[in-house]
Structure formats: C-alpha cells, structure tokens
Protein backbone atom coordinates (compact mmCIF):
# COMPACT_ATOMS: atom_id res chain seq x y z
CA MET A 1 15.66 36.47 8.12
CA ALA A 2 15.53 40.25 7.75
CA PHE A 3 12.42 42.24 6.81
CA GLU A 4 11.86 45.80 5.67
CA ILE A 5 9.09 48.29 6.21
CA GLY A 6 6.09 47.46 4.01
CA ASP A 7 6.79 43.70 3.80
CA LYS A 8 3.77 41.45 4.14
CA VAL A 9 4.50 38.78 6.69
CA ILE A 10 2.66 35.91 8.36
CA TYR A 11 2.65 35.71 12.14
CA PRO A 12 1.93 32.04 13.11
CA ASN A 13 -1.60 31.43 14.37
CA HIS A 14 -2.47 35.11 13.98
CA GLY A 15 -2.43 35.66 10.25
CA LEU A 16 -1.11 38.22 7.83
CA GLY A 17 0.37 41.54 8.87
CA VAL A 18 2.38 44.40 7.42
CA ILE A 19 5.65 45.71 8.90
CA GLU A 20 5.02 49.39 9.70
CA ARG A 21 8.10 50.25 11.70
CA ILE A 22 11.46 48.87 12.83
CA GLU A 23 12.48 50.43 16.11
CA THR A 24 14.70 49.90 19.11
CA LYS A 25 13.27 49.51 22.59
CA THR A 26 14.78 49.04 26.04
CA ILE A 27 12.85 46.57 28.18
CA MET A 28 14.01 45.71 31.71
CA GLY A 29 17.49 47.06 30.98
CA THR A 30 17.84 45.15 27.69
CA THR A 31 17.95 47.04 24.39
CA CYS A 32 16.96 45.25 21.17
CA GLY A 33 15.24 45.85 17.85
CA PHE A 34 11.54 45.14 17.19
CA TYR A 35 9.35 44.76 14.10
CA GLN A 36 6.06 46.58 14.57
CA LEU A 37 3.31 44.70 12.72
CA ARG A 38 -0.15 45.89 11.82
CA MET A 39 -2.37 42.83 11.64
CA ALA A 40 -5.47 42.38 9.47
CA ASN A 41 -7.74 43.06 12.46
CA GLU A 42 -5.91 46.40 13.04
CA THR A 43 -4.08 45.17 16.14
CA THR A 44 -0.38 45.96 16.63
CA VAL A 45 2.20 43.31 17.43
CA PHE A 46 5.90 43.76 18.31
CA VAL A 47 8.25 40.93 17.33
CA PRO A 48 11.92 40.95 18.49
CA VAL A 49 14.29 41.09 15.53
CA ASP A 50 16.55 38.46 17.11
CA ASN A 51 13.61 36.06 17.66
CA VAL A 52 12.09 36.01 14.18
CA GLU A 53 12.88 32.35 13.55
CA GLY A 54 11.81 31.39 17.07
CA VAL A 55 8.28 32.73 16.59
CA GLY A 56 8.08 31.52 12.97
CA LEU A 57 7.60 34.92 11.32
CA ARG A 58 7.76 34.51 7.52
CA ARG A 59 6.94 36.24 4.27
CA ALA A 60 3.61 35.59 2.57
CA ILE A 61 3.50 33.00 -0.23
CA SER A 62 3.95 33.97 -3.88
CA ASP A 63 1.38 33.80 -6.71
CA ALA A 64 2.90 30.51 -7.94
CA GLU A 65 2.57 28.98 -4.47
CA VAL A 66 -1.14 29.80 -4.36
CA GLU A 67 -1.83 27.29 -7.16
CA ARG A 68 0.18 24.68 -5.29
CA LEU A 69 -1.92 25.47 -2.23
CA PHE A 70 -5.20 24.81 -4.09
CA THR A 71 -3.77 21.56 -5.46
CA LEU A 72 -2.95 20.46 -1.93
CA LEU A 73 -6.45 21.38 -0.77
CA ALA A 74 -8.06 19.08 -3.39
CA ASP A 75 -5.63 16.09 -3.43
CA GLY A 76 -7.84 13.67 -1.43
CA ASN A 77 -5.19 12.96 1.20
CA ILE A 78 -6.64 13.54 4.65
CA ASP A 79 -4.93 12.83 7.91
CA SER A 80 -7.58 11.52 10.30
CA HIS A 81 -6.91 10.34 13.85
CA GLN A 82 -9.54 8.50 15.86
CA ASN A 83 -7.99 9.41 19.19
CA TRP A 84 -9.07 12.94 20.22
CA LYS A 85 -5.98 13.74 22.30
CA GLY A 86 -3.54 12.60 19.62
CA ARG A 87 -5.47 14.47 16.91
CA PHE A 88 -5.64 17.71 18.88
CA LYS A 89 -1.93 17.59 19.77
CA ASP A 90 -0.86 16.98 16.16
CA ASN A 91 -3.08 19.77 14.84
CA SER A 92 -1.92 22.22 17.53
CA ASP A 93 1.71 21.53 16.65
CA ARG A 94 1.00 22.18 12.98
CA MET A 95 -0.74 25.45 13.69
CA ARG A 96 2.30 26.70 15.60
CA THR A 97 4.81 26.03 12.80
CA GLY A 98 3.67 29.03 10.78
CA SER A 99 3.68 26.99 7.54
CA ILE A 100 0.60 27.59 5.41
CA TYR A 101 0.87 24.01 4.15
CA ASP A 102 0.60 22.66 7.70
CA VAL A 103 -2.44 24.87 8.26
CA VAL A 104 -4.04 23.43 5.09
CA GLU A 105 -3.61 19.90 6.48
CA VAL A 106 -5.37 20.93 9.69
CA LEU A 107 -8.17 22.54 7.65
CA LYS A 108 -8.74 19.39 5.57
CA SER A 109 -8.63 17.07 8.57
CA LEU A 110 -11.08 18.99 10.75
CA ALA A 111 -13.42 19.94 7.88
CA PHE A 112 -13.68 16.29 6.86
CA LEU A 113 -14.28 15.19 10.45
CA ALA A 114 -17.00 17.83 10.89
CA ARG A 115 -19.02 16.18 8.10
CA SER A 116 -19.50 12.99 10.13
CA LYS A 117 -19.55 14.19 13.78
CA SER A 118 -19.84 17.29 15.91
CA LEU A 119 -16.51 18.81 16.81
CA SER A 120 -15.60 19.84 20.33
CA PHE A 121 -15.51 23.55 21.12
CA ARG A 122 -11.69 23.67 20.94
CA GLU A 123 -11.54 21.83 17.61
CA LYS A 124 -14.31 24.02 16.20
CA ARG A 125 -12.24 27.11 17.08
CA MET A 126 -9.15 25.53 15.51
CA LEU A 127 -11.09 24.77 12.30
CA ASP A 128 -12.31 28.38 12.07
CA ARG A 129 -8.79 29.70 12.73
CA ALA A 130 -7.24 27.43 10.06
CA LYS A 131 -9.77 28.50 7.45
CA PHE A 132 -9.29 32.17 8.32
CA LEU A 133 -5.48 31.90 7.98
CA VAL A 134 -5.71 30.19 4.57
CA VAL A 135 -8.36 32.53 3.17
CA SER A 136 -6.72 35.72 4.48
CA GLU A 137 -3.29 34.90 3.05
CA ILE A 138 -4.64 33.93 -0.38
CA THR A 139 -6.85 37.05 -0.40
CA GLU A 140 -3.86 39.30 0.26
CA VAL A 141 -1.62 37.58 -2.31
CA LEU A 142 -4.20 37.49 -5.14
CA SER A 143 -5.85 40.81 -4.22
CA MET A 144 -9.27 39.14 -4.43
CA SER A 145 -12.35 39.51 -2.27
CA THR A 146 -12.64 37.33 0.82
CA GLU A 147 -15.95 35.85 -0.42
CA GLU A 148 -14.41 34.75 -3.74
CA VAL A 149 -11.40 33.16 -2.09
CA GLU A 150 -13.59 31.39 0.47
CA ARG A 151 -15.76 29.99 -2.34
CA ARG A 152 -12.70 28.59 -4.13
CA VAL A 153 -11.39 27.06 -0.90
CA ASP A 154 -14.77 25.36 -0.26
CA GLU A 155 -14.84 23.98 -3.82
CA ALA A 156 -11.33 22.56 -3.41
CA LEU A 157 -12.36 20.92 -0.13
CA GLU A 158 -15.41 19.32 -1.77
CA LYS A 159 -13.18 17.85 -4.49
CA CYS A 160 -10.88 16.55 -1.78
CA PHE A 161 -13.72 14.79 0.09
CA ALA A 162 -15.14 13.29 -3.13
CA LEU A 163 -11.73 11.96 -4.15
CA LYS A 164 -11.16 10.45 -0.71
CA ALA A 165 -14.54 8.69 -0.85
CA GLU A 166 -13.65 7.30 -4.28
CA LEU A 167 -10.27 6.07 -3.06
CA ASP A 168 -11.82 4.45 0.02
CA ALA A 169 -14.43 2.65 -2.14
CA ARG A 170 -11.82 1.00 -4.35
CA PRO A 171 -10.98 -2.62 -3.44
CA ARG A 172 -7.50 -3.11 -2.21
CA PRO A 173 -5.42 -5.19 -4.67
CA ALA A 174 -3.75 -7.19 -1.92
CA ALA A 175 -7.08 -8.17 -0.39
CA ALA A 176 -8.62 -9.12 -3.78
CA ALA A 177 -5.70 -11.31 -4.84
CA LYS A 178 -5.51 -13.18 -1.60
CA ALA A 179 -6.78 -16.76 -2.01
CA PRO A 180 -9.20 -18.10 0.59
CA GLU A 181 -7.52 -20.17 3.19
CA VAL A 182 -8.49 -23.88 3.22
CA GLU A 183 -8.22 -25.61 6.51
CA ALA A 184 -6.31 -28.88 6.15
CA GLU A 185 -7.90 -32.06 7.53
CA PRO A 186 -6.12 -33.38 10.60
CA ALA A 187 -4.04 -36.52 10.10
CA PRO A 188 -5.53 -39.78 11.55
CA GLU A 189 -4.27 -40.51 15.00
CA GLU A 190 -1.99 -43.55 15.34
CA PRO A 191 -2.72 -46.06 18.15
CA ALA A 192 -0.80 -45.29 21.23
CA VAL A 193 2.08 -47.66 21.95
CA ALA A 194 3.32 -48.02 25.47
CA ALA A 195 6.82 -46.78 25.61
CA VAL A 196 9.36 -49.12 27.14
CA GLU A 197 11.94 -47.23 28.96
CA PRO A 198 15.43 -48.74 28.62
CA GLU A 199 17.21 -49.61 31.83
CA PRO A 200 19.54 -46.87 32.75
CA ALA A 201 23.18 -47.62 32.13
CA PRO A 202 25.14 -48.12 35.34
CA ALA A 203 27.23 -45.26 36.46
CA PRO A 204 30.97 -45.47 35.68
CA ALA A 205 31.83 -46.13 39.34
CA VAL A 206 29.28 -48.98 39.57
CA ARG A 207 30.50 -50.51 36.31
CA SER A 208 34.08 -50.34 37.56
CA ALA A 209 33.18 -52.07 40.84
CA ALA A 210 31.22 -54.78 39.04
CA ALA A 211 34.08 -55.40 36.63
CA LYS A 212 36.54 -55.61 39.52
CA THR A 213 34.33 -58.12 41.35
CA ALA A 214 34.01 -60.22 38.21
CA ARG A 215 37.77 -60.25 37.70
CA THR A 216 38.35 -61.28 41.33
CA ALA A 217 35.80 -64.09 41.07
CA ALA A 218 37.42 -65.36 37.87
CA LYS A 219 40.84 -65.30 39.47
CA THR A 220 39.55 -67.19 42.52
CA THR A 221 37.94 -69.81 40.31
CA LYS A 222 41.16 -70.25 38.36
CA VAL A 223 43.21 -70.66 41.54
CA ALA A 224 40.69 -73.16 42.86
CA ALA A 225 40.84 -75.07 39.62
CA LYS A 226 44.62 -75.30 39.90
CA ALA A 227 44.45 -76.29 43.56
CA LYS A 228 42.09 -79.26 43.00
CA PRO A 229 44.65 -81.59 41.26
CA ALA A 230 47.32 -80.85 43.85
CA ALA A 231 44.95 -81.59 46.70
CA ALA A 232 43.83 -84.77 44.99
CA ARG A 233 47.46 -85.86 44.60
CA ARG A 234 48.17 -85.11 48.26
CA THR A 235 45.08 -87.05 49.31
CA ALA A 236 46.05 -90.06 47.15
CA LYS A 237 49.62 -90.00 48.46
CA ALA A 238 48.39 -89.83 52.04
CA ALA A 239 46.05 -92.75 51.41
CA THR A 240 48.92 -94.82 49.95
CA THR A 241 51.09 -94.02 52.91
CA ARG A 242 48.35 -95.09 55.31
CA SER A 243 47.85 -98.36 53.36
CA LYS A 244 51.58 -99.20 53.50
CA ALA A 245 51.71 -98.44 57.19
CA SER A 246 48.71 -100.65 57.82
CA ALA A 247 50.26 -103.48 55.78
CA ALA A 248 53.51 -103.11 57.65
CA ARG A 249 51.75 -103.31 60.96
CA LYS A 250 49.98 -106.43 59.85
CA THR A 251 53.25 -108.05 58.64
CA GLY A 252 54.97 -107.10 61.84
CA GLY A 253 52.18 -108.68 63.88
CA LYS A 254 52.39 -111.95 61.99
CA ALA A 255 56.16 -112.14 62.49
CA THR A 256 55.80 -111.62 66.23
CA THR A 257 53.19 -114.33 66.46
CA THR A 258 55.50 -116.80 64.62
CA ARG A 259 58.40 -116.03 66.88
CA ARG A 260 56.22 -116.49 69.92
CA ALA A 261 54.99 -119.88 68.62
CA ALA A 262 58.56 -121.06 67.97
CA ARG A 263 59.65 -120.21 71.46
CA ALA A 264 56.73 -122.04 72.94
CA SER A 265 57.49 -125.23 71.13
C-alpha cells in the first residue's frame, strides 16, 4: 500500500498521524525508503516503505465508516473472558492488528468489565489506550472536538451495556421448553434362582476315546455271544464221548468176567 505526503494514516497502537515526508535513508549499509509521520502528540515516527503491511500502517476510516463504528459500539455484543491471561492475550493481539474495529471490541470488553470489578494496572492502561485510539480517529475524520466525540462514544457504550443486560435477562427458549425430568420407578426385583451350570461337553479327543472303547466292548460282547453256543456244543460232545467210553469199559468188563467164569467151569 503506497501513501503520499499529507495522507492521514493510523499507526497501530499509537494512533493517527500525518505523512510529512518520504525520504531515503541508509542504515547499516542498507538503503531504503521511509515514511516520516507526525503523530498527534507531535512525535515523529519513521516507517520503512517496504514494511508498511508488516507494521499494519493504514489509512484513516471514511465518514461512512464512522457511523458503522458507532453502530458496533452500541450493538450489545461484548466479548468477556473470565480468565485474566486469556483475556489479556486476546486483547493485546487485537490492539496490534491496527484495525479500528478490533480496538472497539477491546474498548467494549474492558469498559464493561470495569463496571463490575477493578482492572489491573496493565488492563487499565489498555482501556485508556483503546478509548484514545477510537476517539482520536473519529475526531480527525469528523473534524469535531475531542470532548464531543468522547461524549458520543460514552453514550454508545451505555446503550451497549443496557442492551446486553436486557439480552442476559431474557429466558432462554431452550431452557423454558425443556420438560422436567421424571425419575422412573425401579422395576421390582425378581427372586434369585440358583443357576445350574450344565456339565461341560467332553473334549473331542475324550469323546473319540470313549466311542472307541464302547465299540470295542460291543465287539467283544458279540464275539462272546457267538462263542457260547460253540463251547456248549463242544462240552456236550465231550460229555457224550466220555459216556460212551464209560459204557464201553463197563461192557468190556462184563465180557471178561463171563469168559473167566466159563473157563473156570
């Protein structure tokens, strides 16, 4: 962004200044261009031409943007952090951007907080700096007195705080529509029944061994059943043979006795 002599510019966190000169300087062997600014407090600041965007140097807002600025000041939206470290970091980052709209958010946040508690020394300085930056830029754009602009800024802040209080007092629709929760009665407990654990099924190897044993026993029983009639037949046959032999011996004995008696006579 290029500027010309006489342009009104805003130097972040320092306020409004006017470009008085554009000159070239050699510093430590490096030659570059600089904008020479005369700030509102009559101090002089040199800004490198090549680092304008880095430092956030910008032109002052227009007349139309001033009305938008007052609308933002009175909209009732306030960013408030309870944690001091988080709040201070966020506000410091906003102050460094150079945007007047970010500075307005810091002004609303700290001014609202100051109504309910005492600010720390660093936050009090930040609040004063934010208000100075807003008032000084509007004063320069509208060519009004500082007192008049400060009065309008304070009125816009009061509207903002009143609107926030009204918004906070309204009941939330979601909370109002939510029906009360009714705790359900617990179901009656059923009498405890002793659990009977089923016998575990035998392992495959055990079942296989048992089945094999059963088959062997059945086979043995079958063989024994077949063997019983044969043994009985052999026993009966042997008994018959013994009876015949005994009868033969008896017959043979009688014949011998007869022959002996015949020879004796």
